[in-house]
Amino acid sequence: MPFVNFMKYKFLFTLLLTIYSLTVNAQSTVDSVKLTVNNLFIAMRNAKPDNILASFADSAILQTITRDKDGNVSIRTEDFREFADFVSKQPAGKADERISFKAIHIDGDLASVWTPYQFYFDGKFSHCGVNSFQLVRINKQWKIQYLIDTRRKNCN
């Protein structure tokens, strides 16, 4: 009878250990995705163009959804290298985007991240919106492959 009890406990222990390791691994993956996104905004706030460039994959795409004065929607595409160049010309602290993580979905080497934000320029509120990131894990590092955002003044 002691052998049967041992096998029950061994099975239970193994099951709990497996669940724990999966949880720890999932959490560290989520944390590494968040770190990549946060590093982009830290680099922007600190005017560090090399760190901005390091956040992106080589073929990354940046886009913004805009509306003209008549309310017509268009999509503006920007080169992430030009974005890094723009940031490099700003004093540290001038461009400050404050995000919160609303949703993170991960499947293998693909991550999707949704972050509402408020943007401050030179200490003054400028606009708000939502960022939608697509990240790819390349050589064990998460890189931003695609970023599209909305921008609006009315943030209620």
C-alpha atoms as a PDB file:
ATOM      1  CA  MET A   1       0.000   0.000   0.000  1.00  0.00           C
ATOM      2  CA  PRO A   2       2.800   2.550   0.713  1.00  0.00           C
ATOM      3  CA  PHE A   3       4.010   2.140  -2.877  1.00  0.00           C
ATOM      4  CA  VAL A   4       0.572   3.142  -4.243  1.00  0.00           C
ATOM      5  CA  ASN A   5       0.528   6.253  -2.027  1.00  0.00           C
ATOM      6  CA  PHE A   6       4.046   7.119  -3.157  1.00  0.00           C
ATOM      7  CA  MET A   7       2.981   6.848  -6.821  1.00  0.00           C
ATOM      8  CA  LYS A   8      -0.046   9.095  -6.189  1.00  0.00           C
ATOM      9  CA  TYR A   9       2.134  11.735  -4.560  1.00  0.00           C
ATOM     10  CA  LYS A  10       4.817  11.385  -7.214  1.00  0.00           C
ATOM     11  CA  PHE A  11       2.212  11.932  -9.931  1.00  0.00           C
ATOM     12  CA  LEU A  12       0.731  14.920  -8.077  1.00  0.00           C
ATOM     13  CA  PHE A  13       4.177  16.394  -7.458  1.00  0.00           C
ATOM     14  CA  THR A  14       5.139  15.954 -11.106  1.00  0.00           C
ATOM     15  CA  LEU A  15       1.875  17.545 -12.253  1.00  0.00           C
ATOM     16  CA  LEU A  16       2.296  20.540  -9.946  1.00  0.00           C
ATOM     17  CA  LEU A  17       5.930  20.966 -10.969  1.00  0.00           C
ATOM     18  CA  THR A  18       4.944  20.915 -14.647  1.00  0.00           C
ATOM     19  CA  ILE A  19       2.178  23.498 -14.126  1.00  0.00           C
ATOM     20  CA  TYR A  20       4.561  25.705 -12.140  1.00  0.00           C
ATOM     21  CA  SER A  21       7.289  25.540 -14.791  1.00  0.00           C
ATOM     22  CA  LEU A  22       4.805  26.370 -17.555  1.00  0.00           C
ATOM     23  CA  THR A  23       3.529  29.329 -15.552  1.00  0.00           C
ATOM     24  CA  VAL A  24       7.040  30.607 -14.859  1.00  0.00           C
ATOM     25  CA  ASN A  25       8.006  30.218 -18.518  1.00  0.00           C
ATOM     26  CA  ALA A  26       4.826  31.965 -19.712  1.00  0.00           C
ATOM     27  CA  GLN A  27       5.366  34.792 -17.243  1.00  0.00           C
ATOM     28  CA  SER A  28       8.971  35.295 -18.307  1.00  0.00           C
ATOM     29  CA  THR A  29       7.872  35.370 -21.969  1.00  0.00           C
ATOM     30  CA  VAL A  30       5.244  38.008 -21.189  1.00  0.00           C
ATOM     31  CA  ASP A  31       7.824  39.953 -19.206  1.00  0.00           C
ATOM     32  CA  SER A  32      10.324  39.845 -22.066  1.00  0.00           C
ATOM     33  CA  VAL A  33       7.687  41.114 -24.520  1.00  0.00           C
ATOM     34  CA  LYS A  34       6.796  43.945 -22.114  1.00  0.00           C
ATOM     35  CA  LEU A  35      10.482  44.743 -21.687  1.00  0.00           C
ATOM     36  CA  THR A  36      10.942  45.182 -25.440  1.00  0.00           C
ATOM     37  CA  VAL A  37       7.969  47.553 -25.660  1.00  0.00           C
ATOM     38  CA  ASN A  38       8.982  49.457 -22.519  1.00  0.00           C
ATOM     39  CA  ASN A  39      12.567  49.798 -23.801  1.00  0.00           C
ATOM     40  CA  LEU A  40      11.269  51.563 -26.905  1.00  0.00           C
ATOM     41  CA  PHE A  41       9.559  54.232 -24.808  1.00  0.00           C
ATOM     42  CA  ILE A  42      12.452  54.547 -22.369  1.00  0.00           C
ATOM     43  CA  ALA A  43      14.754  55.109 -25.353  1.00  0.00           C
ATOM     44  CA  MET A  44      12.340  57.677 -26.756  1.00  0.00           C
ATOM     45  CA  ARG A  45      12.099  59.522 -23.440  1.00  0.00           C
ATOM     46  CA  ASN A  46      15.914  59.471 -23.046  1.00  0.00           C
ATOM     47  CA  ALA A  47      16.531  60.454 -26.706  1.00  0.00           C
ATOM     48  CA  LYS A  48      18.594  57.317 -27.402  1.00  0.00           C
ATOM     49  CA  PRO A  49      18.220  56.537 -31.130  1.00  0.00           C
ATOM     50  CA  ASP A  50      20.452  53.435 -31.029  1.00  0.00           C
ATOM     51  CA  ASN A  51      18.208  51.904 -28.363  1.00  0.00           C
ATOM     52  CA  ILE A  52      15.143  52.732 -30.457  1.00  0.00           C
ATOM     53  CA  LEU A  53      16.675  51.020 -33.473  1.00  0.00           C
ATOM     54  CA  ALA A  54      17.541  47.993 -31.322  1.00  0.00           C
ATOM     55  CA  SER A  55      13.843  47.597 -30.460  1.00  0.00           C
ATOM     56  CA  PHE A  56      12.849  47.026 -34.086  1.00  0.00           C
ATOM     57  CA  ALA A  57      13.327  44.199 -36.570  1.00  0.00           C
ATOM     58  CA  ASP A  58      15.266  45.178 -39.705  1.00  0.00           C
ATOM     59  CA  SER A  59      12.102  45.205 -41.824  1.00  0.00           C
ATOM     60  CA  ALA A  60       9.824  46.902 -39.276  1.00  0.00           C
ATOM     61  CA  ILE A  61       6.844  48.983 -40.347  1.00  0.00           C
ATOM     62  CA  LEU A  62       5.498  52.019 -38.452  1.00  0.00           C
ATOM     63  CA  GLN A  63       2.068  53.383 -39.278  1.00  0.00           C
ATOM     64  CA  THR A  64      -0.382  55.913 -37.870  1.00  0.00           C
ATOM     65  CA  ILE A  65      -4.094  56.124 -38.503  1.00  0.00           C
ATOM     66  CA  THR A  66      -5.033  59.768 -39.068  1.00  0.00           C
ATOM     67  CA  ARG A  67      -8.123  61.800 -39.899  1.00  0.00           C
ATOM     68  CA  ASP A  68      -8.137  64.954 -41.959  1.00  0.00           C
ATOM     69  CA  LYS A  69     -10.290  67.992 -41.139  1.00  0.00           C
ATOM     70  CA  ASP A  70     -13.221  66.401 -43.025  1.00  0.00           C
ATOM     71  CA  GLY A  71     -12.972  63.199 -40.979  1.00  0.00           C
ATOM     72  CA  ASN A  72     -11.507  61.062 -43.756  1.00  0.00           C
ATOM     73  CA  VAL A  73      -9.273  58.265 -42.498  1.00  0.00           C
ATOM     74  CA  SER A  74      -5.842  57.656 -43.948  1.00  0.00           C
ATOM     75  CA  ILE A  75      -2.797  55.660 -42.960  1.00  0.00           C
ATOM     76  CA  ARG A  76       0.599  57.338 -42.772  1.00  0.00           C
ATOM     77  CA  THR A  77       3.685  55.144 -42.970  1.00  0.00           C
ATOM     78  CA  GLU A  78       6.935  56.247 -41.356  1.00  0.00           C
ATOM     79  CA  ASP A  79      10.384  54.690 -41.543  1.00  0.00           C
ATOM     80  CA  PHE A  80      11.479  53.606 -38.062  1.00  0.00           C
ATOM     81  CA  ARG A  81      14.991  54.907 -38.802  1.00  0.00           C
ATOM     82  CA  GLU A  82      13.539  58.382 -39.461  1.00  0.00           C
ATOM     83  CA  PHE A  83      11.622  58.115 -36.203  1.00  0.00           C
ATOM     84  CA  ALA A  84      14.867  57.309 -34.361  1.00  0.00           C
ATOM     85  CA  ASP A  85      16.559  60.235 -36.112  1.00  0.00           C
ATOM     86  CA  PHE A  86      13.755  62.602 -35.039  1.00  0.00           C
ATOM     87  CA  VAL A  87      14.075  61.419 -31.441  1.00  0.00           C
ATOM     88  CA  SER A  88      17.863  61.884 -31.541  1.00  0.00           C
ATOM     89  CA  LYS A  89      17.324  65.600 -32.178  1.00  0.00           C
ATOM     90  CA  GLN A  90      15.131  66.048 -29.088  1.00  0.00           C
ATOM     91  CA  PRO A  91      16.471  66.783 -25.627  1.00  0.00           C
ATOM     92  CA  ALA A  92      16.026  63.935 -23.158  1.00  0.00           C
ATOM     93  CA  GLY A  93      12.587  64.057 -21.568  1.00  0.00           C
ATOM     94  CA  LYS A  94      10.957  66.064 -24.353  1.00  0.00           C
ATOM     95  CA  ALA A  95       9.059  63.137 -25.961  1.00  0.00           C
ATOM     96  CA  ASP A  96       7.271  61.162 -23.256  1.00  0.00           C
ATOM     97  CA  GLU A  97       4.768  58.448 -24.172  1.00  0.00           C
ATOM     98  CA  ARG A  98       3.104  56.834 -21.187  1.00  0.00           C
ATOM     99  CA  ILE A  99       1.601  53.437 -21.880  1.00  0.00           C
ATOM    100  CA  SER A 100      -0.370  50.770 -20.091  1.00  0.00           C
ATOM    101  CA  PHE A 101      -0.581  47.155 -21.172  1.00  0.00           C
ATOM    102  CA  LYS A 102      -4.154  46.218 -22.010  1.00  0.00           C
ATOM    103  CA  ALA A 103      -3.593  42.869 -23.762  1.00  0.00           C
ATOM    104  CA  ILE A 104      -0.687  40.601 -24.657  1.00  0.00           C
ATOM    105  CA  HIS A 105      -1.121  37.481 -26.764  1.00  0.00           C
ATOM    106  CA  ILE A 106       1.764  35.140 -27.541  1.00  0.00           C
ATOM    107  CA  ASP A 107       1.994  32.128 -29.817  1.00  0.00           C
ATOM    108  CA  GLY A 108       5.495  30.754 -30.162  1.00  0.00           C
ATOM    109  CA  ASP A 109       7.619  33.457 -31.790  1.00  0.00           C
ATOM    110  CA  LEU A 110       4.741  35.905 -32.407  1.00  0.00           C
ATOM    111  CA  ALA A 111       3.399  38.387 -29.880  1.00  0.00           C
ATOM    112  CA  SER A 112       0.587  40.908 -30.198  1.00  0.00           C
ATOM    113  CA  VAL A 113       0.465  43.807 -27.721  1.00  0.00           C
ATOM    114  CA  TRP A 114      -2.247  46.451 -27.220  1.00  0.00           C
ATOM    115  CA  THR A 115      -1.221  49.561 -25.248  1.00  0.00           C
ATOM    116  CA  PRO A 116      -3.383  52.630 -24.653  1.00  0.00           C
ATOM    117  CA  TYR A 117      -1.188  55.711 -24.232  1.00  0.00           C
ATOM    118  CA  GLN A 118      -0.953  59.419 -23.450  1.00  0.00           C
ATOM    119  CA  PHE A 119       1.740  61.420 -25.210  1.00  0.00           C
ATOM    120  CA  TYR A 120       3.420  64.461 -23.667  1.00  0.00           C
ATOM    121  CA  PHE A 121       5.749  66.742 -25.575  1.00  0.00           C
ATOM    122  CA  ASP A 122       7.929  69.163 -23.663  1.00  0.00           C
ATOM    123  CA  GLY A 123       5.930  68.370 -20.519  1.00  0.00           C
ATOM    124  CA  LYS A 124       2.563  69.247 -22.081  1.00  0.00           C
ATOM    125  CA  PHE A 125      -0.155  66.815 -23.029  1.00  0.00           C
ATOM    126  CA  SER A 126      -0.283  66.416 -26.811  1.00  0.00           C
ATOM    127  CA  HIS A 127      -2.569  63.493 -27.646  1.00  0.00           C
ATOM    128  CA  CYS A 128      -3.635  59.978 -26.746  1.00  0.00           C
ATOM    129  CA  GLY A 129      -4.569  56.775 -28.510  1.00  0.00           C
ATOM    130  CA  VAL A 130      -3.702  53.121 -28.748  1.00  0.00           C
ATOM    131  CA  ASN A 131      -0.601  51.323 -30.012  1.00  0.00           C
ATOM    132  CA  SER A 132      -0.927  47.911 -31.611  1.00  0.00           C
ATOM    133  CA  PHE A 133       2.379  46.026 -31.750  1.00  0.00           C
ATOM    134  CA  GLN A 134       3.314  42.840 -33.543  1.00  0.00           C
ATOM    135  CA  LEU A 135       6.569  41.415 -32.230  1.00  0.00           C
ATOM    136  CA  VAL A 136       8.652  38.531 -33.530  1.00  0.00           C
ATOM    137  CA  ARG A 137      11.217  36.591 -31.524  1.00  0.00           C
ATOM    138  CA  ILE A 138      14.381  36.621 -33.619  1.00  0.00           C
ATOM    139  CA  ASN A 139      17.516  34.906 -32.291  1.00  0.00           C
ATOM    140  CA  LYS A 140      15.842  34.623 -28.864  1.00  0.00           C
ATOM    141  CA  GLN A 141      15.095  38.371 -28.715  1.00  0.00           C
ATOM    142  CA  TRP A 142      11.737  40.051 -29.192  1.00  0.00           C
ATOM    143  CA  LYS A 143      11.743  42.704 -31.921  1.00  0.00           C
ATOM    144  CA  ILE A 144       8.954  45.020 -33.022  1.00  0.00           C
ATOM    145  CA  GLN A 145       7.986  44.113 -36.578  1.00  0.00           C
ATOM    146  CA  TYR A 146       4.862  46.217 -36.888  1.00  0.00           C
ATOM    147  CA  LEU A 147       3.480  49.167 -34.970  1.00  0.00           C
ATOM    148  CA  ILE A 148       0.303  51.020 -35.826  1.00  0.00           C
ATOM    149  CA  ASP A 149      -1.311  53.634 -33.623  1.00  0.00           C
ATOM    150  CA  THR A 150      -4.282  55.920 -33.354  1.00  0.00           C
ATOM    151  CA  ARG A 151      -4.014  59.557 -32.325  1.00  0.00           C
ATOM    152  CA  ARG A 152      -6.689  61.805 -30.946  1.00  0.00           C
ATOM    153  CA  LYS A 153      -7.029  64.895 -28.776  1.00  0.00           C
ATOM    154  CA  ASN A 154     -10.302  63.862 -27.100  1.00  0.00           C
ATOM    155  CA  CYS A 155      -9.210  61.227 -24.619  1.00  0.00           C
ATOM    156  CA  ASN A 156     -12.383  60.561 -22.654  1.00  0.00           C
END
